């Protein structure tokens, strides 16, 4: 019942539809960007620690392959 009433109140406004679209895109992309950034930072930290540990043991990149 309430969505039907909202549809009646909203009417057919293209500007409002565009606003709803961009709000939905923003809502969808925000967590993806946040968690993606956290994931990238964690992976970079892991790779850096592995390189440092390998350097301490004297392993070079050519020996790993």
PDB file of N, CA and C in Angstrom:
ATOM      1  N   UNK A   1       0.825  -1.191   0.000  1.00  0.00           N
ATOM      2  CA  UNK A   1       0.000   0.000   0.000  1.00  0.00           C
ATOM      3  C   UNK A   1       0.872   1.259   0.000  1.00  0.00           C
ATOM      4  N   UNK A   2       1.890   1.278   0.860  1.00  0.00           N
ATOM      5  CA  UNK A   2       2.732   2.470   0.956  1.00  0.00           C
ATOM      6  C   UNK A   2       3.517   2.711  -0.340  1.00  0.00           C
ATOM      7  N   UNK A   3       4.129   1.674  -0.974  1.00  0.00           N
ATOM      8  CA  UNK A   3       4.811   1.954  -2.240  1.00  0.00           C
ATOM      9  C   UNK A   3       3.867   2.514  -3.303  1.00  0.00           C
ATOM     10  N   UNK A   4       2.624   2.067  -3.303  1.00  0.00           N
ATOM     11  CA  UNK A   4       1.664   2.589  -4.270  1.00  0.00           C
ATOM     12  C   UNK A   4       1.386   4.066  -4.004  1.00  0.00           C
ATOM     13  N   UNK A   5       1.261   4.424  -2.735  1.00  0.00           N
ATOM     14  CA  UNK A   5       1.039   5.833  -2.396  1.00  0.00           C
ATOM     15  C   UNK A   5       2.249   6.686  -2.765  1.00  0.00           C
ATOM     16  N   UNK A   6       3.440   6.148  -2.529  1.00  0.00           N
ATOM     17  CA  UNK A   6       4.646   6.886  -2.900  1.00  0.00           C
ATOM     18  C   UNK A   6       4.723   7.088  -4.407  1.00  0.00           C
ATOM     19  N   UNK A   7       4.310   6.082  -5.169  1.00  0.00           N
ATOM     20  CA  UNK A   7       4.318   6.202  -6.621  1.00  0.00           C
ATOM     21  C   UNK A   7       3.340   7.288  -7.067  1.00  0.00           C
ATOM     22  N   UNK A   8       2.207   7.378  -6.390  1.00  0.00           N
ATOM     23  CA  UNK A   8       1.240   8.414  -6.740  1.00  0.00           C
ATOM     24  C   UNK A   8       1.768   9.802  -6.399  1.00  0.00           C
ATOM     25  N   UNK A   9       2.436   9.919  -5.280  1.00  0.00           N
ATOM     26  CA  UNK A   9       2.981  11.215  -4.880  1.00  0.00           C
ATOM     27  C   UNK A   9       4.161  11.620  -5.761  1.00  0.00           C
ATOM     28  N   UNK A  10       4.944  10.633  -6.156  1.00  0.00           N
ATOM     29  CA  UNK A  10       6.159  10.903  -6.919  1.00  0.00           C
ATOM     30  C   UNK A  10       5.846  11.407  -8.316  1.00  0.00           C
ATOM     31  N   UNK A  11       4.900  10.798  -8.965  1.00  0.00           N
ATOM     32  CA  UNK A  11       4.588  11.211 -10.325  1.00  0.00           C
ATOM     33  C   UNK A  11       5.604  10.669 -11.304  1.00  0.00           C
ATOM     34  N   UNK A  12       5.803  11.370 -12.388  1.00  0.00           N
ATOM     35  CA  UNK A  12       6.749  10.936 -13.426  1.00  0.00           C
ATOM     36  C   UNK A  12       7.746  12.060 -13.678  1.00  0.00           C
ATOM     37  N   UNK A  13       8.705  12.190 -12.768  1.00  0.00           N
ATOM     38  CA  UNK A  13       9.691  13.266 -12.853  1.00  0.00           C
ATOM     39  C   UNK A  13      11.052  12.681 -13.234  1.00  0.00           C
ATOM     40  N   UNK A  14      11.555  12.932 -14.440  1.00  0.00           N
ATOM     41  CA  UNK A  14      12.837  12.368 -14.871  1.00  0.00           C
ATOM     42  C   UNK A  14      14.016  12.821 -13.995  1.00  0.00           C
ATOM     43  N   UNK A  15      13.965  14.045 -13.497  1.00  0.00           N
ATOM     44  CA  UNK A  15      15.056  14.528 -12.647  1.00  0.00           C
ATOM     45  C   UNK A  15      15.109  13.744 -11.344  1.00  0.00           C
ATOM     46  N   UNK A  16      13.941  13.438 -10.790  1.00  0.00           N
ATOM     47  CA  UNK A  16      13.906  12.673  -9.549  1.00  0.00           C
ATOM     48  C   UNK A  16      14.349  11.230  -9.797  1.00  0.00           C
ATOM     49  N   UNK A  17      13.988  10.671 -10.956  1.00  0.00           N
ATOM     50  CA  UNK A  17      14.441   9.321 -11.305  1.00  0.00           C
ATOM     51  C   UNK A  17      15.959   9.278 -11.420  1.00  0.00           C
ATOM     52  N   UNK A  18      16.539  10.301 -12.020  1.00  0.00           N
ATOM     53  CA  UNK A  18      17.998  10.360 -12.138  1.00  0.00           C
ATOM     54  C   UNK A  18      18.651  10.474 -10.760  1.00  0.00           C
ATOM     55  N   UNK A  19      18.056  11.260  -9.893  1.00  0.00           N
ATOM     56  CA  UNK A  19      18.572  11.391  -8.527  1.00  0.00           C
ATOM     57  C   UNK A  19      18.520  10.058  -7.793  1.00  0.00           C
ATOM     58  N   UNK A  20      17.411   9.336  -7.931  1.00  0.00           N
ATOM     59  CA  UNK A  20      17.296   8.015  -7.301  1.00  0.00           C
ATOM     60  C   UNK A  20      18.330   7.050  -7.871  1.00  0.00           C
ATOM     61  N   UNK A  21      18.550   7.132  -9.180  1.00  0.00           N
ATOM     62  CA  UNK A  21      19.539   6.258  -9.808  1.00  0.00           C
ATOM     63  C   UNK A  21      20.930   6.500  -9.236  1.00  0.00           C
ATOM     64  N   UNK A  22      21.351   7.764  -9.170  1.00  0.00           N
ATOM     65  CA  UNK A  22      22.695   8.060  -8.665  1.00  0.00           C
ATOM     66  C   UNK A  22      22.819   7.759  -7.178  1.00  0.00           C
ATOM     67  N   UNK A  23      21.743   7.909  -6.431  1.00  0.00           N
ATOM     68  CA  UNK A  23      21.765   7.534  -5.018  1.00  0.00           C
ATOM     69  C   UNK A  23      21.970   6.028  -4.877  1.00  0.00           C
ATOM     70  N   UNK A  24      21.311   5.248  -5.727  1.00  0.00           N
ATOM     71  CA  UNK A  24      21.477   3.793  -5.687  1.00  0.00           C
ATOM     72  C   UNK A  24      22.896   3.391  -6.085  1.00  0.00           C
ATOM     73  N   UNK A  25      23.446   4.050  -7.098  1.00  0.00           N
ATOM     74  CA  UNK A  25      24.819   3.753  -7.520  1.00  0.00           C
ATOM     75  C   UNK A  25      25.792   4.071  -6.390  1.00  0.00           C
ATOM     76  N   UNK A  26      25.606   5.202  -5.746  1.00  0.00           N
ATOM     77  CA  UNK A  26      26.473   5.587  -4.636  1.00  0.00           C
ATOM     78  C   UNK A  26      26.363   4.598  -3.471  1.00  0.00           C
ATOM     79  N   UNK A  27      25.161   4.177  -3.173  1.00  0.00           N
ATOM     80  CA  UNK A  27      24.966   3.197  -2.100  1.00  0.00           C
ATOM     81  C   UNK A  27      25.629   1.865  -2.424  1.00  0.00           C
ATOM     82  N   UNK A  28      25.624   1.482  -3.684  1.00  0.00           N
ATOM     83  CA  UNK A  28      26.227   0.209  -4.070  1.00  0.00           C
ATOM     84  C   UNK A  28      27.752   0.293  -4.113  1.00  0.00           C
ATOM     85  N   UNK A  29      28.284   1.413  -4.584  1.00  0.00           N
ATOM     86  CA  UNK A  29      29.734   1.515  -4.767  1.00  0.00           C
ATOM     87  C   UNK A  29      30.501   1.842  -3.490  1.00  0.00           C
ATOM     88  N   UNK A  30      29.873   2.502  -2.542  1.00  0.00           N
ATOM     89  CA  UNK A  30      30.585   2.909  -1.328  1.00  0.00           C
ATOM     90  C   UNK A  30      31.200   1.724  -0.583  1.00  0.00           C
ATOM     91  N   UNK A  31      30.454   0.684  -0.231  1.00  0.00           N
ATOM     92  CA  UNK A  31      31.092  -0.427   0.479  1.00  0.00           C
ATOM     93  C   UNK A  31      32.110  -1.168  -0.383  1.00  0.00           C
ATOM     94  N   UNK A  32      31.851  -1.245  -1.689  1.00  0.00           N
ATOM     95  CA  UNK A  32      32.809  -1.922  -2.572  1.00  0.00           C
ATOM     96  C   UNK A  32      34.135  -1.177  -2.560  1.00  0.00           C
ATOM     97  N   UNK A  33      34.091   0.136  -2.657  1.00  0.00           N
ATOM     98  CA  UNK A  33      35.325   0.922  -2.645  1.00  0.00           C
ATOM     99  C   UNK A  33      36.040   0.844  -1.298  1.00  0.00           C
ATOM    100  N   UNK A  34      35.282   0.902  -0.217  1.00  0.00           N
ATOM    101  CA  UNK A  34      35.896   0.871   1.115  1.00  0.00           C
ATOM    102  C   UNK A  34      36.563  -0.472   1.366  1.00  0.00           C
ATOM    103  N   UNK A  35      35.809  -1.572   1.171  1.00  0.00           N
ATOM    104  CA  UNK A  35      36.383  -2.891   1.446  1.00  0.00           C
ATOM    105  C   UNK A  35      37.439  -3.268   0.422  1.00  0.00           C
ATOM    106  N   UNK A  36      37.290  -2.804  -0.819  1.00  0.00           N
ATOM    107  CA  UNK A  36      38.326  -3.042  -1.822  1.00  0.00           C
ATOM    108  C   UNK A  36      39.627  -2.356  -1.461  1.00  0.00           C
ATOM    109  N   UNK A  37      39.540  -1.127  -0.973  1.00  0.00           N
ATOM    110  CA  UNK A  37      40.735  -0.397  -0.546  1.00  0.00           C
ATOM    111  C   UNK A  37      41.405  -1.085   0.635  1.00  0.00           C
ATOM    112  N   UNK A  38      40.605  -1.529   1.592  1.00  0.00           N
ATOM    113  CA  UNK A  38      41.167  -2.244   2.738  1.00  0.00           C
ATOM    114  C   UNK A  38      41.872  -3.516   2.270  1.00  0.00           C
ATOM    115  N   UNK A  39      41.245  -4.246   1.349  1.00  0.00           N
ATOM    116  CA  UNK A  39      41.854  -5.470   0.822  1.00  0.00           C
ATOM    117  C   UNK A  39      43.170  -5.207   0.118  1.00  0.00           C
ATOM    118  N   UNK A  40      43.217  -4.152  -0.688  1.00  0.00           N
ATOM    119  CA  UNK A  40      44.453  -3.815  -1.402  1.00  0.00           C
ATOM    120  C   UNK A  40      45.553  -3.435  -0.422  1.00  0.00           C
ATOM    121  N   UNK A  41      45.221  -2.657   0.586  1.00  0.00           N
ATOM    122  CA  UNK A  41      46.234  -2.261   1.577  1.00  0.00           C
ATOM    123  C   UNK A  41      46.762  -3.465   2.348  1.00  0.00           C
ATOM    124  N   UNK A  42      45.891  -4.404   2.685  1.00  0.00           N
ATOM    125  CA  UNK A  42      46.327  -5.609   3.397  1.00  0.00           C
ATOM    126  C   UNK A  42      47.237  -6.444   2.508  1.00  0.00           C
ATOM    127  N   UNK A  43      46.866  -6.614   1.234  1.00  0.00           N
ATOM    128  CA  UNK A  43      47.720  -7.385   0.322  1.00  0.00           C
ATOM    129  C   UNK A  43      49.079  -6.729   0.124  1.00  0.00           C
ATOM    130  N   UNK A  44      49.106  -5.411  -0.006  1.00  0.00           N
ATOM    131  CA  UNK A  44      50.390  -4.723  -0.151  1.00  0.00           C
ATOM    132  C   UNK A  44      51.267  -4.926   1.078  1.00  0.00           C
ATOM    133  N   UNK A  45      50.660  -4.894   2.264  1.00  0.00           N
ATOM    134  CA  UNK A  45      51.406  -5.108   3.498  1.00  0.00           C
ATOM    135  C   UNK A  45      51.964  -6.533   3.558  1.00  0.00           C
ATOM    136  N   UNK A  46      51.151  -7.510   3.159  1.00  0.00           N
ATOM    137  CA  UNK A  46      51.609  -8.904   3.156  1.00  0.00           C
ATOM    138  C   UNK A  46      52.767  -9.076   2.197  1.00  0.00           C
ATOM    139  N   UNK A  47      52.639  -8.522   0.964  1.00  0.00           N
ATOM    140  CA  UNK A  47      53.717  -8.649  -0.012  1.00  0.00           C
ATOM    141  C   UNK A  47      54.992  -7.971   0.473  1.00  0.00           C
ATOM    142  N   UNK A  48      54.857  -6.835   1.118  1.00  0.00           N
ATOM    143  CA  UNK A  48      56.029  -6.119   1.634  1.00  0.00           C
ATOM    144  C   UNK A  48      56.716  -6.944   2.714  1.00  0.00           C
ATOM    145  N   UNK A  49      55.950  -7.519   3.618  1.00  0.00           N
ATOM    146  CA  UNK A  49      56.541  -8.338   4.681  1.00  0.00           C
ATOM    147  C   UNK A  49      57.225  -9.575   4.113  1.00  0.00           C
ATOM    148  N   UNK A  50      56.635 -10.188   3.091  1.00  0.00           N
ATOM    149  CA  UNK A  50      57.266 -11.363   2.468  1.00  0.00           C
ATOM    150  C   UNK A  50      58.583 -10.987   1.806  1.00  0.00           C
ATOM    151  N   UNK A  51      58.587  -9.836   1.097  1.00  0.00           N
ATOM    152  CA  UNK A  51      59.834  -9.406   0.459  1.00  0.00           C
ATOM    153  C   UNK A  51      60.919  -9.143   1.490  1.00  0.00           C
ATOM    154  N   UNK A  52      60.536  -8.498   2.593  1.00  0.00           N
ATOM    155  CA  UNK A  52      61.525  -8.221   3.643  1.00  0.00           C
ATOM    156  C   UNK A  52      62.028  -9.512   4.279  1.00  0.00           C
ATOM    157  N   UNK A  53      61.143 -10.457   4.509  1.00  0.00           N
ATOM    158  CA  UNK A  53      61.553 -11.737   5.104  1.00  0.00           C
ATOM    159  C   UNK A  53      62.465 -12.496   4.141  1.00  0.00           C
ATOM    160  N   UNK A  54      62.141 -12.475   2.845  1.00  0.00           N
ATOM    161  CA  UNK A  54      62.994 -13.145   1.863  1.00  0.00           C
ATOM    162  C   UNK A  54      64.348 -12.456   1.756  1.00  0.00           C
ATOM    163  N   UNK A  55      64.382 -11.137   1.874  1.00  0.00           N
ATOM    164  CA  UNK A  55      65.648 -10.404   1.804  1.00  0.00           C
ATOM    165  C   UNK A  55      66.524 -10.753   3.002  1.00  0.00           C
ATOM    166  N   UNK A  56      65.923 -10.935   4.157  1.00  0.00           N
ATOM    167  CA  UNK A  56      66.691 -11.309   5.347  1.00  0.00           C
ATOM    168  C   UNK A  56      67.292 -12.700   5.202  1.00  0.00           C
ATOM    169  N   UNK A  57      66.587 -13.602   4.525  1.00  0.00           N
ATOM    170  CA  UNK A  57      67.098 -14.955   4.327  1.00  0.00           C
ATOM    171  C   UNK A  57      68.027 -15.041   3.132  1.00  0.00           C
ATOM    172  N   UNK A  58      68.117 -13.962   2.358  1.00  0.00           N
ATOM    173  CA  UNK A  58      69.036 -13.943   1.204  1.00  0.00           C
ATOM    174  C   UNK A  58      68.447 -14.538  -0.043  1.00  0.00           C
ATOM    175  N   UNK A  59      67.144 -14.618  -0.152  1.00  0.00           N
ATOM    176  CA  UNK A  59      66.498 -15.146  -1.343  1.00  0.00           C
ATOM    177  C   UNK A  59      66.209 -14.001  -2.288  1.00  0.00           C
ATOM    178  N   UNK A  60      66.632 -14.168  -3.546  1.00  0.00           N
ATOM    179  CA  UNK A  60      66.356 -13.148  -4.550  1.00  0.00           C
ATOM    180  C   UNK A  60      65.178 -13.584  -5.414  1.00  0.00           C
ATOM    181  N   UNK A  61      64.609 -12.654  -6.170  1.00  0.00           N
ATOM    182  CA  UNK A  61      63.445 -12.937  -7.011  1.00  0.00           C
ATOM    183  C   UNK A  61      63.726 -14.044  -8.021  1.00  0.00           C
ATOM    184  N   UNK A  62      64.929 -14.083  -8.586  1.00  0.00           N
ATOM    185  CA  UNK A  62      65.256 -15.094  -9.585  1.00  0.00           C
ATOM    186  C   UNK A  62      65.251 -16.491  -8.978  1.00  0.00           C
ATOM    187  N   UNK A  63      65.576 -16.610  -7.726  1.00  0.00           N
ATOM    188  CA  UNK A  63      65.600 -17.923  -7.072  1.00  0.00           C
ATOM    189  C   UNK A  63      64.201 -18.425  -6.746  1.00  0.00           C
ATOM    190  N   UNK A  64      63.225 -17.545  -6.699  1.00  0.00           N
ATOM    191  CA  UNK A  64      61.865 -17.956  -6.365  1.00  0.00           C
ATOM    192  C   UNK A  64      61.176 -18.627  -7.538  1.00  0.00           C
ATOM    193  N   UNK A  65      61.606 -18.353  -8.754  1.00  0.00           N
ATOM    194  CA  UNK A  65      60.900 -18.887  -9.921  1.00  0.00           C
ATOM    195  C   UNK A  65      61.470 -20.174 -10.402  1.00  0.00           C
TER     196      UNK A  65
END
